[in-house]
Amino acid sequence: MRRFLIVLAASALAAGAASAQWGEAPGSQRKGEGALVVRDGAAGFREKAGTEVKRTFRKGDAVAGFHKEFLATTYEFFEEEGRVRVLFPKGPDTALLDDAWMDPADLSTFVWDCCDAECIPVKASFKRAEWNPCFKEAMQRARASLPADRPASSAPPAAPPHRAAGEKPLTNEDVVAMVKADLGDEVVLSKIDQAPREALDVSTDALVKLRKQGVSKAVLDAMVRRAGRR
């Protein structure tokens, strides 16, 4: 009985903390937090302090906040060591969910009303998982109100002309050099996305060769996307 009472007390404290974060009285309409990814190549890391990229997101992808504390799970963003934990459906043809850690600067957040008592943002069926109606409604409003200078489907801002003229195009050899120097996928992905010019070879033979040289799948994906914007 004593152990049961301790568990109940911990759950009540965690629920109270979640309500306090939003400035709500206990029992009021609960909220959750979601976000839209604001740039192609945004990294989802396996750990909050690690460099291993678990998933690379595209501009306009939606994620939900995800936080665990004691016995409580809340679908809100809590920054830890400069990153927030996010939740998302693992794929279009699976009911599984996955999570990763992201840089808050890569996200444009929005608030959604909880559809049920558990405030779970995903509606799962036998074959697939998708965002529930409450989350979808808030997500659509957020997409409609994104600032004009950072729309979900726009191309990244162009580099200043003097910088583009003075820096040589990014090549496959540059990518391999960064990988061999163990700079981490985050740095390599940022360089691919932000380089003023590129001369990347993304032919089948070149990609196979890069993979054998230790280039990750996330980096290869980013190279193909960047070359496709020519």
Protein backbone atom coordinates (compact mmCIF):
# COMPACT_ATOMS: atom_id res chain seq x y z
CA MET A 1 0.00 0.00 0.00
CA ARG A 2 2.81 2.45 0.85
CA ARG A 3 4.44 1.82 -2.55
CA PHE A 4 1.09 2.37 -4.31
CA LEU A 5 0.60 5.72 -2.55
CA ILE A 6 4.11 6.84 -3.56
CA VAL A 7 3.35 6.00 -7.21
CA LEU A 8 0.09 7.98 -7.09
CA ALA A 9 1.87 10.96 -5.54
CA ALA A 10 4.58 10.94 -8.22
CA SER A 11 1.95 10.86 -10.98
CA ALA A 12 0.07 13.76 -9.41
CA LEU A 13 3.22 15.86 -9.11
CA ALA A 14 4.16 15.21 -12.73
CA ALA A 15 0.67 16.11 -13.95
CA GLY A 16 0.71 19.26 -11.85
CA ALA A 17 4.06 20.27 -13.30
CA ALA A 18 2.73 19.88 -16.84
CA SER A 19 -0.29 22.08 -16.03
CA ALA A 20 1.92 24.68 -14.35
CA GLN A 21 4.10 24.97 -17.44
CA TRP A 22 1.11 26.21 -19.42
CA GLY A 23 -0.23 28.35 -16.57
CA GLU A 24 -3.44 26.32 -16.43
CA ALA A 25 -5.56 25.34 -13.50
CA PRO A 26 -5.82 21.59 -12.87
CA GLY A 27 -8.74 20.13 -14.81
CA SER A 28 -8.70 22.76 -17.57
CA GLN A 29 -8.34 21.93 -21.29
CA ARG A 30 -4.95 20.29 -21.70
CA LYS A 31 -2.60 21.25 -24.49
CA GLY A 32 0.22 19.61 -26.40
CA GLU A 33 3.06 21.05 -28.47
CA GLY A 34 3.95 20.25 -32.05
CA ALA A 35 6.30 21.78 -34.61
CA LEU A 36 7.04 22.07 -38.30
CA VAL A 37 10.59 21.53 -39.55
CA VAL A 38 11.78 24.75 -41.22
CA ARG A 39 14.65 23.50 -43.42
CA ASP A 40 15.71 20.51 -45.47
CA GLY A 41 18.42 18.38 -43.92
CA ALA A 42 17.44 19.13 -40.31
CA ALA A 43 19.05 16.43 -38.18
CA GLY A 44 17.27 14.21 -35.69
CA PHE A 45 19.92 12.88 -33.33
CA ARG A 46 19.86 9.55 -31.50
CA GLU A 47 20.95 11.16 -28.20
CA LYS A 48 20.47 14.61 -26.70
CA ALA A 49 24.24 15.15 -26.51
CA GLY A 50 25.54 12.83 -29.24
CA THR A 51 26.45 13.41 -32.89
CA GLU A 52 24.91 10.28 -34.45
CA VAL A 53 22.07 11.27 -36.78
CA LYS A 54 19.07 8.97 -36.48
CA ARG A 55 16.91 10.65 -39.12
CA THR A 56 17.18 13.58 -41.51
CA PHE A 57 14.00 15.66 -41.76
CA ARG A 58 12.66 17.66 -44.69
CA LYS A 59 11.20 21.13 -44.63
CA GLY A 60 7.52 20.95 -43.66
CA ASP A 61 7.75 17.63 -41.75
CA ALA A 62 5.68 17.64 -38.57
CA VAL A 63 6.82 16.40 -35.15
CA ALA A 64 5.31 16.41 -31.66
CA GLY A 65 7.01 17.38 -28.43
CA PHE A 66 7.91 14.39 -26.27
CA HIS A 67 9.08 14.37 -22.65
CA LYS A 68 9.30 11.67 -19.98
CA GLU A 69 9.67 12.41 -16.30
CA PHE A 70 9.13 9.90 -13.52
CA LEU A 71 5.95 7.99 -14.47
CA ALA A 72 4.50 10.75 -16.65
CA THR A 73 4.79 11.30 -20.39
CA THR A 74 3.91 14.73 -21.77
CA TYR A 75 3.79 15.79 -25.40
CA GLU A 76 5.60 19.10 -24.95
CA PHE A 77 9.07 20.42 -25.78
CA PHE A 78 11.61 20.47 -22.95
CA GLU A 79 15.06 21.70 -23.91
CA GLU A 80 17.95 19.64 -22.56
CA GLU A 81 21.58 20.39 -23.48
CA GLY A 82 20.42 22.59 -26.36
CA ARG A 83 18.04 20.02 -27.94
CA VAL A 84 14.41 18.95 -27.64
CA ARG A 85 13.00 15.45 -27.94
CA VAL A 86 10.45 14.90 -30.72
CA LEU A 87 8.01 12.11 -31.60
CA PHE A 88 6.86 11.12 -35.10
CA PRO A 89 5.34 8.18 -37.03
CA LYS A 90 8.16 5.91 -38.15
CA GLY A 91 6.82 5.51 -41.69
CA PRO A 92 3.71 5.64 -43.89
CA ASP A 93 3.04 1.90 -43.75
CA THR A 94 3.70 1.11 -40.10
CA ALA A 95 1.95 1.71 -36.81
CA LEU A 96 5.28 2.20 -35.04
CA LEU A 97 6.44 5.53 -33.60
CA ASP A 98 9.98 6.83 -33.24
CA ASP A 99 11.71 9.67 -31.42
CA ALA A 100 14.83 11.79 -31.87
CA TRP A 101 16.54 14.91 -30.50
CA MET A 102 16.52 18.12 -32.57
CA ASP A 103 17.88 21.66 -32.49
CA PRO A 104 14.99 24.00 -31.53
CA ALA A 105 16.20 26.44 -34.22
CA ASP A 106 15.08 23.89 -36.84
CA LEU A 107 11.49 23.94 -35.55
CA SER A 108 8.52 26.32 -35.71
CA THR A 109 6.30 25.29 -32.79
CA PHE A 110 2.51 25.35 -32.40
CA VAL A 111 0.02 24.34 -29.68
CA TRP A 112 -2.81 21.83 -30.11
CA ASP A 113 -5.75 20.79 -27.93
CA CYS A 114 -5.66 17.28 -26.53
CA CYS A 115 -8.21 15.01 -28.21
CA ASP A 116 -8.31 12.54 -25.33
CA ALA A 117 -7.37 12.14 -21.68
CA GLU A 118 -3.90 10.81 -22.52
CA CYS A 119 -3.19 13.73 -24.91
CA ILE A 120 -1.50 11.42 -27.42
CA PRO A 121 -0.88 13.23 -30.76
CA VAL A 122 -0.92 10.08 -32.89
CA LYS A 123 -3.87 7.93 -33.85
CA ALA A 124 -2.61 4.39 -34.40
CA SER A 125 -4.35 1.63 -36.32
CA PHE A 126 -3.30 -1.94 -37.07
CA LYS A 127 -1.28 -0.99 -40.16
CA ARG A 128 -0.31 2.67 -39.79
CA ALA A 129 0.06 5.58 -37.40
CA GLU A 130 -1.03 9.11 -38.30
CA TRP A 131 -1.57 12.41 -36.52
CA ASN A 132 -4.92 12.63 -34.74
CA PRO A 133 -7.56 15.21 -35.87
CA CYS A 134 -6.69 17.77 -33.16
CA PHE A 135 -3.01 17.70 -34.07
CA LYS A 136 -3.78 17.90 -37.81
CA GLU A 137 -5.99 20.96 -37.35
CA ALA A 138 -3.31 22.84 -35.41
CA MET A 139 -0.64 21.71 -37.89
CA GLN A 140 -2.62 23.08 -40.84
CA ARG A 141 -3.11 26.43 -39.08
CA ALA A 142 0.62 26.58 -38.37
CA ARG A 143 1.49 25.91 -42.01
CA ALA A 144 -0.86 28.67 -43.14
CA SER A 145 0.70 31.18 -40.77
CA LEU A 146 4.40 30.48 -41.31
CA PRO A 147 6.33 33.73 -41.90
CA ALA A 148 6.80 34.65 -45.54
CA ASP A 149 10.58 34.67 -45.12
CA ARG A 150 10.59 31.07 -43.85
CA PRO A 151 7.86 29.09 -45.67
CA ALA A 152 7.91 25.32 -45.38
CA SER A 153 8.39 24.84 -49.12
CA SER A 154 10.80 27.64 -50.01
CA ALA A 155 14.44 27.23 -51.00
CA PRO A 156 17.13 28.20 -48.48
CA PRO A 157 18.30 31.82 -48.68
CA ALA A 158 21.01 32.45 -51.25
CA ALA A 159 24.52 33.28 -50.06
CA PRO A 160 25.82 36.81 -50.66
CA PRO A 161 27.34 37.12 -54.17
CA HIS A 162 30.82 38.02 -52.92
CA ARG A 163 30.93 34.90 -50.80
CA ALA A 164 29.74 32.64 -53.61
CA ALA A 165 32.30 34.08 -56.01
CA GLY A 166 35.22 33.61 -53.62
CA GLU A 167 34.57 30.06 -52.40
CA LYS A 168 35.18 26.98 -54.55
CA PRO A 169 32.25 24.61 -55.15
CA LEU A 170 31.70 21.81 -52.65
CA THR A 171 32.82 18.47 -54.08
CA ASN A 172 32.63 14.78 -53.15
CA GLU A 173 36.27 15.00 -52.06
CA ASP A 174 35.36 17.77 -49.60
CA VAL A 175 32.60 15.60 -48.13
CA VAL A 176 34.94 12.61 -47.74
CA ALA A 177 37.58 14.84 -46.10
CA MET A 178 35.06 16.07 -43.51
CA VAL A 179 33.90 12.51 -42.82
CA LYS A 180 37.49 11.25 -42.44
CA ALA A 181 38.17 14.14 -40.03
CA ASP A 182 35.30 12.81 -37.88
CA LEU A 183 33.48 16.16 -37.83
CA GLY A 184 30.15 14.41 -37.39
CA ASP A 185 27.08 14.24 -39.62
CA GLU A 186 25.64 17.46 -38.18
CA VAL A 187 28.56 19.54 -39.47
CA VAL A 188 28.67 17.77 -42.84
CA LEU A 189 24.91 18.16 -43.37
CA SER A 190 25.08 21.87 -42.53
CA LYS A 191 27.99 22.36 -44.96
CA ILE A 192 26.09 20.61 -47.77
CA ASP A 193 22.98 22.69 -47.11
CA GLN A 194 24.75 26.05 -46.74
CA ALA A 195 27.57 25.84 -49.31
CA PRO A 196 27.16 28.74 -51.79
CA ARG A 197 28.04 26.47 -54.72
CA GLU A 198 28.43 22.74 -55.23
CA ALA A 199 29.80 20.35 -57.83
CA LEU A 200 28.62 17.13 -56.23
CA ASP A 201 28.71 13.89 -58.22
CA VAL A 202 25.62 11.87 -57.20
CA SER A 203 25.81 9.22 -59.92
CA THR A 204 25.26 5.62 -58.82
CA ASP A 205 28.95 4.76 -59.03
CA ALA A 206 29.91 7.86 -57.05
CA LEU A 207 27.38 7.13 -54.29
CA VAL A 208 28.56 3.52 -53.97
CA LYS A 209 32.16 4.73 -53.72
CA LEU A 210 31.23 7.32 -51.07
CA ARG A 211 29.40 4.70 -49.02
CA LYS A 212 32.48 2.46 -49.08
CA GLN A 213 34.52 5.44 -47.83
CA GLY A 214 32.35 5.72 -44.73
CA VAL A 215 29.86 8.42 -45.75
CA SER A 216 26.55 7.90 -43.91
CA LYS A 217 23.18 7.40 -45.59
CA ALA A 218 21.95 10.71 -44.12
CA VAL A 219 24.81 12.58 -45.79
CA LEU A 220 24.25 10.77 -49.10
CA ASP A 221 20.57 11.75 -48.98
CA ALA A 222 21.51 15.38 -48.36
CA MET A 223 23.94 15.35 -51.30
CA VAL A 224 21.29 13.98 -53.67
CA ARG A 225 18.75 16.59 -52.53
CA ARG A 226 21.26 19.45 -52.89
CA ALA A 227 22.33 18.32 -56.37
CA GLY A 228 18.66 18.12 -57.36
CA ARG A 229 18.22 21.86 -56.71
CA ARG A 230 20.50 22.83 -59.62
